[in-house]
Amino acid sequence: MFLVKYEFVVVFLFINFVNIDITFAKCRLNVPAMQNLQLKRMSGLWYPVETDDPSVNARKGCDTFNVTYSNSVEKGESITAFLTSNAKKYERFTLYSVNGTGRLKIQNNGNRKIADLIDGWLISSDYVNYSMWYVCNENSKDPGYKYIGLRERPPKMDIVKQISSMFISLGFDLTDLRSINQMNC
């Protein structure tokens, strides 16, 4: 009888360990963000060239973000990115900087409450060539997604490789990272 109870406890502990592991597989909240972000300099055209976001597979490529800057008394500084692609899919995202850093709150298509904003990080950008992003919605089951954006198309692969190396140095897994077609656009 005592042996049966002991086996049950071992199984119960194993199940709890698995649940804890699944919980920690979600968003990474310890991502470094750019300091002293100059949000206005993010304005202009950006071309996403690599991501692990599965929703990108639904588009045909030639994605473009047209980014505009605004500064209002109520909401402070923000940038709005209008996404277009060959699939004629249009989306709008508004990004709000947290304390002037690359730590962001992202509002998708303007229809989310402030409490439902998605977490985002602009990890690095030189404003004229590249941007390196991580976006994660803590309220969903996704693990968060990485994005590499460039100012020019077709992409300069040496820049893409440098940004990929930066992601790896931060401990990100790039197994599912794939290219977004930016040729013949």
C-alpha atoms as a PDB file:
ATOM      1  CA  MET A   1       0.000   0.000   0.000  1.00  0.00           C
ATOM      2  CA  PHE A   2       2.777   2.447   0.896  1.00  0.00           C
ATOM      3  CA  LEU A   3       4.576   1.691  -2.398  1.00  0.00           C
ATOM      4  CA  VAL A   4       1.494   2.612  -4.470  1.00  0.00           C
ATOM      5  CA  LYS A   5       1.168   6.012  -2.751  1.00  0.00           C
ATOM      6  CA  TYR A   6       4.848   6.736  -3.386  1.00  0.00           C
ATOM      7  CA  GLU A   7       4.507   5.999  -7.131  1.00  0.00           C
ATOM      8  CA  PHE A   8       1.483   8.299  -7.335  1.00  0.00           C
ATOM      9  CA  VAL A   9       3.472  11.161  -5.764  1.00  0.00           C
ATOM     10  CA  VAL A  10       6.311  10.703  -8.276  1.00  0.00           C
ATOM     11  CA  VAL A  11       3.870  10.799 -11.208  1.00  0.00           C
ATOM     12  CA  PHE A  12       2.144  13.866  -9.767  1.00  0.00           C
ATOM     13  CA  LEU A  13       5.461  15.714  -9.399  1.00  0.00           C
ATOM     14  CA  PHE A  14       6.406  14.816 -12.976  1.00  0.00           C
ATOM     15  CA  ILE A  15       3.124  16.214 -14.313  1.00  0.00           C
ATOM     16  CA  ASN A  16       3.616  19.459 -12.376  1.00  0.00           C
ATOM     17  CA  PHE A  17       7.145  19.793 -13.766  1.00  0.00           C
ATOM     18  CA  VAL A  18       5.836  19.493 -17.332  1.00  0.00           C
ATOM     19  CA  ASN A  19       3.219  22.175 -16.678  1.00  0.00           C
ATOM     20  CA  ILE A  20       5.867  24.536 -15.342  1.00  0.00           C
ATOM     21  CA  ASP A  21       8.031  23.928 -18.412  1.00  0.00           C
ATOM     22  CA  ILE A  22       5.147  24.756 -20.750  1.00  0.00           C
ATOM     23  CA  THR A  23       4.394  27.935 -18.829  1.00  0.00           C
ATOM     24  CA  PHE A  24       7.947  29.227 -19.231  1.00  0.00           C
ATOM     25  CA  ALA A  25       7.988  28.454 -22.975  1.00  0.00           C
ATOM     26  CA  LYS A  26       5.843  31.528 -23.658  1.00  0.00           C
ATOM     27  CA  CYS A  27       7.003  35.112 -24.064  1.00  0.00           C
ATOM     28  CA  ARG A  28      10.532  36.119 -23.175  1.00  0.00           C
ATOM     29  CA  LEU A  29      10.175  39.219 -21.051  1.00  0.00           C
ATOM     30  CA  ASN A  30      13.878  39.759 -20.363  1.00  0.00           C
ATOM     31  CA  VAL A  31      14.625  40.996 -23.892  1.00  0.00           C
ATOM     32  CA  PRO A  32      16.939  44.021 -24.088  1.00  0.00           C
ATOM     33  CA  ALA A  33      15.397  47.106 -25.679  1.00  0.00           C
ATOM     34  CA  MET A  34      17.090  50.033 -27.374  1.00  0.00           C
ATOM     35  CA  GLN A  35      17.770  52.903 -25.024  1.00  0.00           C
ATOM     36  CA  ASN A  36      17.127  56.549 -25.942  1.00  0.00           C
ATOM     37  CA  LEU A  37      14.902  55.519 -28.837  1.00  0.00           C
ATOM     38  CA  GLN A  38      14.350  58.239 -31.426  1.00  0.00           C
ATOM     39  CA  LEU A  39      10.953  57.033 -32.563  1.00  0.00           C
ATOM     40  CA  LYS A  40      10.593  59.725 -35.216  1.00  0.00           C
ATOM     41  CA  ARG A  41      13.615  58.285 -37.070  1.00  0.00           C
ATOM     42  CA  MET A  42      11.708  55.021 -37.604  1.00  0.00           C
ATOM     43  CA  SER A  43       9.402  56.834 -40.064  1.00  0.00           C
ATOM     44  CA  GLY A  44       9.499  55.794 -43.719  1.00  0.00           C
ATOM     45  CA  LEU A  45       9.450  52.499 -45.575  1.00  0.00           C
ATOM     46  CA  TRP A  46      10.608  49.238 -43.996  1.00  0.00           C
ATOM     47  CA  TYR A  47      10.765  45.825 -45.670  1.00  0.00           C
ATOM     48  CA  PRO A  48      10.483  42.779 -43.396  1.00  0.00           C
ATOM     49  CA  VAL A  49      12.965  40.236 -44.760  1.00  0.00           C
ATOM     50  CA  GLU A  50      12.961  37.445 -42.150  1.00  0.00           C
ATOM     51  CA  THR A  51      10.584  36.250 -39.435  1.00  0.00           C
ATOM     52  CA  ASP A  52       9.307  33.154 -37.676  1.00  0.00           C
ATOM     53  CA  ASP A  53       5.733  34.513 -37.568  1.00  0.00           C
ATOM     54  CA  PRO A  54       3.533  31.831 -39.203  1.00  0.00           C
ATOM     55  CA  SER A  55       0.957  34.398 -40.360  1.00  0.00           C
ATOM     56  CA  VAL A  56       3.527  35.659 -42.859  1.00  0.00           C
ATOM     57  CA  ASN A  57       3.194  32.377 -44.792  1.00  0.00           C
ATOM     58  CA  ALA A  58      -0.336  33.432 -45.729  1.00  0.00           C
ATOM     59  CA  ARG A  59       1.020  36.414 -47.673  1.00  0.00           C
ATOM     60  CA  LYS A  60       2.788  36.231 -51.021  1.00  0.00           C
ATOM     61  CA  GLY A  61       5.763  38.442 -50.150  1.00  0.00           C
ATOM     62  CA  CYS A  62       6.786  41.961 -51.101  1.00  0.00           C
ATOM     63  CA  ASP A  63       5.604  43.101 -47.674  1.00  0.00           C
ATOM     64  CA  THR A  64       6.082  46.774 -46.934  1.00  0.00           C
ATOM     65  CA  PHE A  65       5.595  48.742 -43.738  1.00  0.00           C
ATOM     66  CA  ASN A  66       4.951  52.434 -44.302  1.00  0.00           C
ATOM     67  CA  VAL A  67       5.725  53.949 -40.892  1.00  0.00           C
ATOM     68  CA  THR A  68       4.479  57.372 -39.777  1.00  0.00           C
ATOM     69  CA  TYR A  69       5.294  59.256 -36.580  1.00  0.00           C
ATOM     70  CA  SER A  70       2.919  61.158 -34.308  1.00  0.00           C
ATOM     71  CA  ASN A  71       3.085  62.847 -30.936  1.00  0.00           C
ATOM     72  CA  SER A  72      -0.098  63.665 -29.051  1.00  0.00           C
ATOM     73  CA  VAL A  73      -0.748  65.066 -25.601  1.00  0.00           C
ATOM     74  CA  GLU A  74      -3.031  62.127 -24.704  1.00  0.00           C
ATOM     75  CA  LYS A  75      -0.913  59.218 -25.921  1.00  0.00           C
ATOM     76  CA  GLY A  76       2.591  60.615 -26.283  1.00  0.00           C
ATOM     77  CA  GLU A  77       4.950  59.507 -29.027  1.00  0.00           C
ATOM     78  CA  SER A  78       3.943  56.685 -31.333  1.00  0.00           C
ATOM     79  CA  ILE A  79       4.561  55.276 -34.763  1.00  0.00           C
ATOM     80  CA  THR A  80       1.917  53.683 -36.945  1.00  0.00           C
ATOM     81  CA  ALA A  81       2.936  51.004 -39.414  1.00  0.00           C
ATOM     82  CA  PHE A  82       0.686  50.269 -42.381  1.00  0.00           C
ATOM     83  CA  LEU A  83       1.424  46.816 -43.830  1.00  0.00           C
ATOM     84  CA  THR A  84       0.772  46.018 -47.473  1.00  0.00           C
ATOM     85  CA  SER A  85       1.778  42.926 -49.414  1.00  0.00           C
ATOM     86  CA  ASN A  86       1.287  41.154 -52.744  1.00  0.00           C
ATOM     87  CA  ALA A  87      -1.654  39.365 -51.161  1.00  0.00           C
ATOM     88  CA  LYS A  88      -3.328  42.790 -50.814  1.00  0.00           C
ATOM     89  CA  LYS A  89      -3.546  42.218 -47.098  1.00  0.00           C
ATOM     90  CA  TYR A  90      -3.596  45.484 -45.212  1.00  0.00           C
ATOM     91  CA  GLU A  91      -2.977  45.814 -41.512  1.00  0.00           C
ATOM     92  CA  ARG A  92      -2.267  48.693 -39.189  1.00  0.00           C
ATOM     93  CA  PHE A  93      -0.208  48.633 -36.019  1.00  0.00           C
ATOM     94  CA  THR A  94       0.410  51.515 -33.649  1.00  0.00           C
ATOM     95  CA  LEU A  95       3.474  51.247 -31.447  1.00  0.00           C
ATOM     96  CA  TYR A  96       3.922  53.233 -28.224  1.00  0.00           C
ATOM     97  CA  SER A  97       7.338  53.570 -26.616  1.00  0.00           C
ATOM     98  CA  VAL A  98       7.625  52.793 -22.906  1.00  0.00           C
ATOM     99  CA  ASN A  99       9.760  55.461 -21.183  1.00  0.00           C
ATOM    100  CA  GLY A 100      11.561  56.475 -24.384  1.00  0.00           C
ATOM    101  CA  THR A 101      13.028  53.017 -24.937  1.00  0.00           C
ATOM    102  CA  GLY A 102      12.604  50.281 -27.527  1.00  0.00           C
ATOM    103  CA  ARG A 103      10.230  48.546 -25.086  1.00  0.00           C
ATOM    104  CA  LEU A 104       6.903  48.912 -26.874  1.00  0.00           C
ATOM    105  CA  LYS A 105       3.189  48.408 -26.480  1.00  0.00           C
ATOM    106  CA  ILE A 106       1.563  47.503 -29.784  1.00  0.00           C
ATOM    107  CA  GLN A 107      -2.034  48.149 -30.737  1.00  0.00           C
ATOM    108  CA  ASN A 108      -3.188  46.013 -33.663  1.00  0.00           C
ATOM    109  CA  ASN A 109      -5.659  47.630 -36.101  1.00  0.00           C
ATOM    110  CA  GLY A 110      -6.798  50.112 -33.475  1.00  0.00           C
ATOM    111  CA  ASN A 111      -9.376  47.780 -31.955  1.00  0.00           C
ATOM    112  CA  ARG A 112      -7.718  46.649 -28.732  1.00  0.00           C
ATOM    113  CA  LYS A 113      -8.187  48.060 -25.268  1.00  0.00           C
ATOM    114  CA  ILE A 114      -5.093  49.464 -23.566  1.00  0.00           C
ATOM    115  CA  ALA A 115      -5.015  46.411 -21.280  1.00  0.00           C
ATOM    116  CA  ASP A 116      -4.854  44.121 -24.338  1.00  0.00           C
ATOM    117  CA  LEU A 117      -1.855  45.737 -26.004  1.00  0.00           C
ATOM    118  CA  ILE A 118       0.797  43.335 -27.271  1.00  0.00           C
ATOM    119  CA  ASP A 119       4.350  43.512 -25.921  1.00  0.00           C
ATOM    120  CA  GLY A 120       7.134  44.360 -28.324  1.00  0.00           C
ATOM    121  CA  TRP A 121      10.811  45.181 -28.298  1.00  0.00           C
ATOM    122  CA  LEU A 122      12.842  47.114 -30.799  1.00  0.00           C
ATOM    123  CA  ILE A 123      16.090  45.441 -29.849  1.00  0.00           C
ATOM    124  CA  SER A 124      18.359  47.300 -32.235  1.00  0.00           C
ATOM    125  CA  SER A 125      18.243  49.677 -35.198  1.00  0.00           C
ATOM    126  CA  ASP A 126      20.578  52.125 -36.873  1.00  0.00           C
ATOM    127  CA  TYR A 127      17.458  53.846 -38.322  1.00  0.00           C
ATOM    128  CA  VAL A 128      18.875  53.891 -41.884  1.00  0.00           C
ATOM    129  CA  ASN A 129      19.618  50.238 -42.689  1.00  0.00           C
ATOM    130  CA  TYR A 130      18.067  47.707 -40.301  1.00  0.00           C
ATOM    131  CA  SER A 131      15.695  47.059 -37.416  1.00  0.00           C
ATOM    132  CA  MET A 132      15.565  44.029 -35.128  1.00  0.00           C
ATOM    133  CA  TRP A 133      12.246  43.215 -33.395  1.00  0.00           C
ATOM    134  CA  TYR A 134      10.677  40.758 -30.987  1.00  0.00           C
ATOM    135  CA  VAL A 135       6.887  40.761 -30.516  1.00  0.00           C
ATOM    136  CA  CYS A 136       4.890  38.640 -28.092  1.00  0.00           C
ATOM    137  CA  ASN A 137       1.310  38.542 -26.861  1.00  0.00           C
ATOM    138  CA  GLU A 138       1.313  37.190 -23.308  1.00  0.00           C
ATOM    139  CA  ASN A 139      -2.420  36.444 -23.575  1.00  0.00           C
ATOM    140  CA  SER A 140      -2.011  34.004 -26.467  1.00  0.00           C
ATOM    141  CA  LYS A 141      -0.310  30.645 -26.756  1.00  0.00           C
ATOM    142  CA  ASP A 142       2.320  31.818 -29.228  1.00  0.00           C
ATOM    143  CA  PRO A 143       5.973  31.962 -28.130  1.00  0.00           C
ATOM    144  CA  GLY A 144       6.617  35.397 -29.620  1.00  0.00           C
ATOM    145  CA  TYR A 145       8.086  36.198 -32.992  1.00  0.00           C
ATOM    146  CA  LYS A 146      11.273  37.730 -34.309  1.00  0.00           C
ATOM    147  CA  TYR A 147      11.417  40.120 -37.263  1.00  0.00           C
ATOM    148  CA  ILE A 148      14.272  41.579 -39.280  1.00  0.00           C
ATOM    149  CA  GLY A 149      13.428  44.718 -41.233  1.00  0.00           C
ATOM    150  CA  LEU A 150      15.550  46.565 -43.775  1.00  0.00           C
ATOM    151  CA  ARG A 151      15.210  49.921 -45.486  1.00  0.00           C
ATOM    152  CA  GLU A 152      16.113  48.554 -48.928  1.00  0.00           C
ATOM    153  CA  ARG A 153      14.938  45.772 -51.150  1.00  0.00           C
ATOM    154  CA  PRO A 154      16.222  43.369 -52.235  1.00  0.00           C
ATOM    155  CA  PRO A 155      17.789  42.599 -48.867  1.00  0.00           C
ATOM    156  CA  LYS A 156      21.502  42.900 -48.227  1.00  0.00           C
ATOM    157  CA  MET A 157      22.310  39.449 -46.900  1.00  0.00           C
ATOM    158  CA  ASP A 158      25.397  40.597 -44.969  1.00  0.00           C
ATOM    159  CA  ILE A 159      23.146  42.805 -42.819  1.00  0.00           C
ATOM    160  CA  VAL A 160      20.625  39.964 -42.358  1.00  0.00           C
ATOM    161  CA  LYS A 161      23.437  37.646 -41.200  1.00  0.00           C
ATOM    162  CA  GLN A 162      24.682  40.253 -38.699  1.00  0.00           C
ATOM    163  CA  ILE A 163      21.206  40.649 -37.203  1.00  0.00           C
ATOM    164  CA  SER A 164      20.725  36.865 -37.068  1.00  0.00           C
ATOM    165  CA  SER A 165      24.005  36.642 -35.131  1.00  0.00           C
ATOM    166  CA  MET A 166      22.714  39.288 -32.714  1.00  0.00           C
ATOM    167  CA  PHE A 167      19.543  37.227 -32.094  1.00  0.00           C
ATOM    168  CA  ILE A 168      21.660  34.113 -31.462  1.00  0.00           C
ATOM    169  CA  SER A 169      23.914  36.021 -29.016  1.00  0.00           C
ATOM    170  CA  LEU A 170      20.768  36.925 -27.041  1.00  0.00           C
ATOM    171  CA  GLY A 171      19.808  33.240 -26.799  1.00  0.00           C
ATOM    172  CA  PHE A 172      17.036  33.196 -29.414  1.00  0.00           C
ATOM    173  CA  ASP A 173      16.398  30.038 -31.426  1.00  0.00           C
ATOM    174  CA  LEU A 174      16.344  30.811 -35.155  1.00  0.00           C
ATOM    175  CA  THR A 175      15.244  27.347 -36.305  1.00  0.00           C
ATOM    176  CA  ASP A 176      11.914  28.608 -37.671  1.00  0.00           C
ATOM    177  CA  LEU A 177      13.222  31.913 -39.055  1.00  0.00           C
ATOM    178  CA  ARG A 178      12.441  32.144 -42.785  1.00  0.00           C
ATOM    179  CA  SER A 179      12.863  34.671 -45.549  1.00  0.00           C
ATOM    180  CA  ILE A 180      10.089  36.903 -46.821  1.00  0.00           C
ATOM    181  CA  ASN A 181      10.226  37.360 -50.585  1.00  0.00           C
ATOM    182  CA  GLN A 182      11.351  40.887 -51.428  1.00  0.00           C
ATOM    183  CA  MET A 183      12.505  40.175 -55.007  1.00  0.00           C
ATOM    184  CA  ASN A 184      10.826  41.578 -58.133  1.00  0.00           C
ATOM    185  CA  CYS A 185       8.493  43.770 -56.115  1.00  0.00           C
END
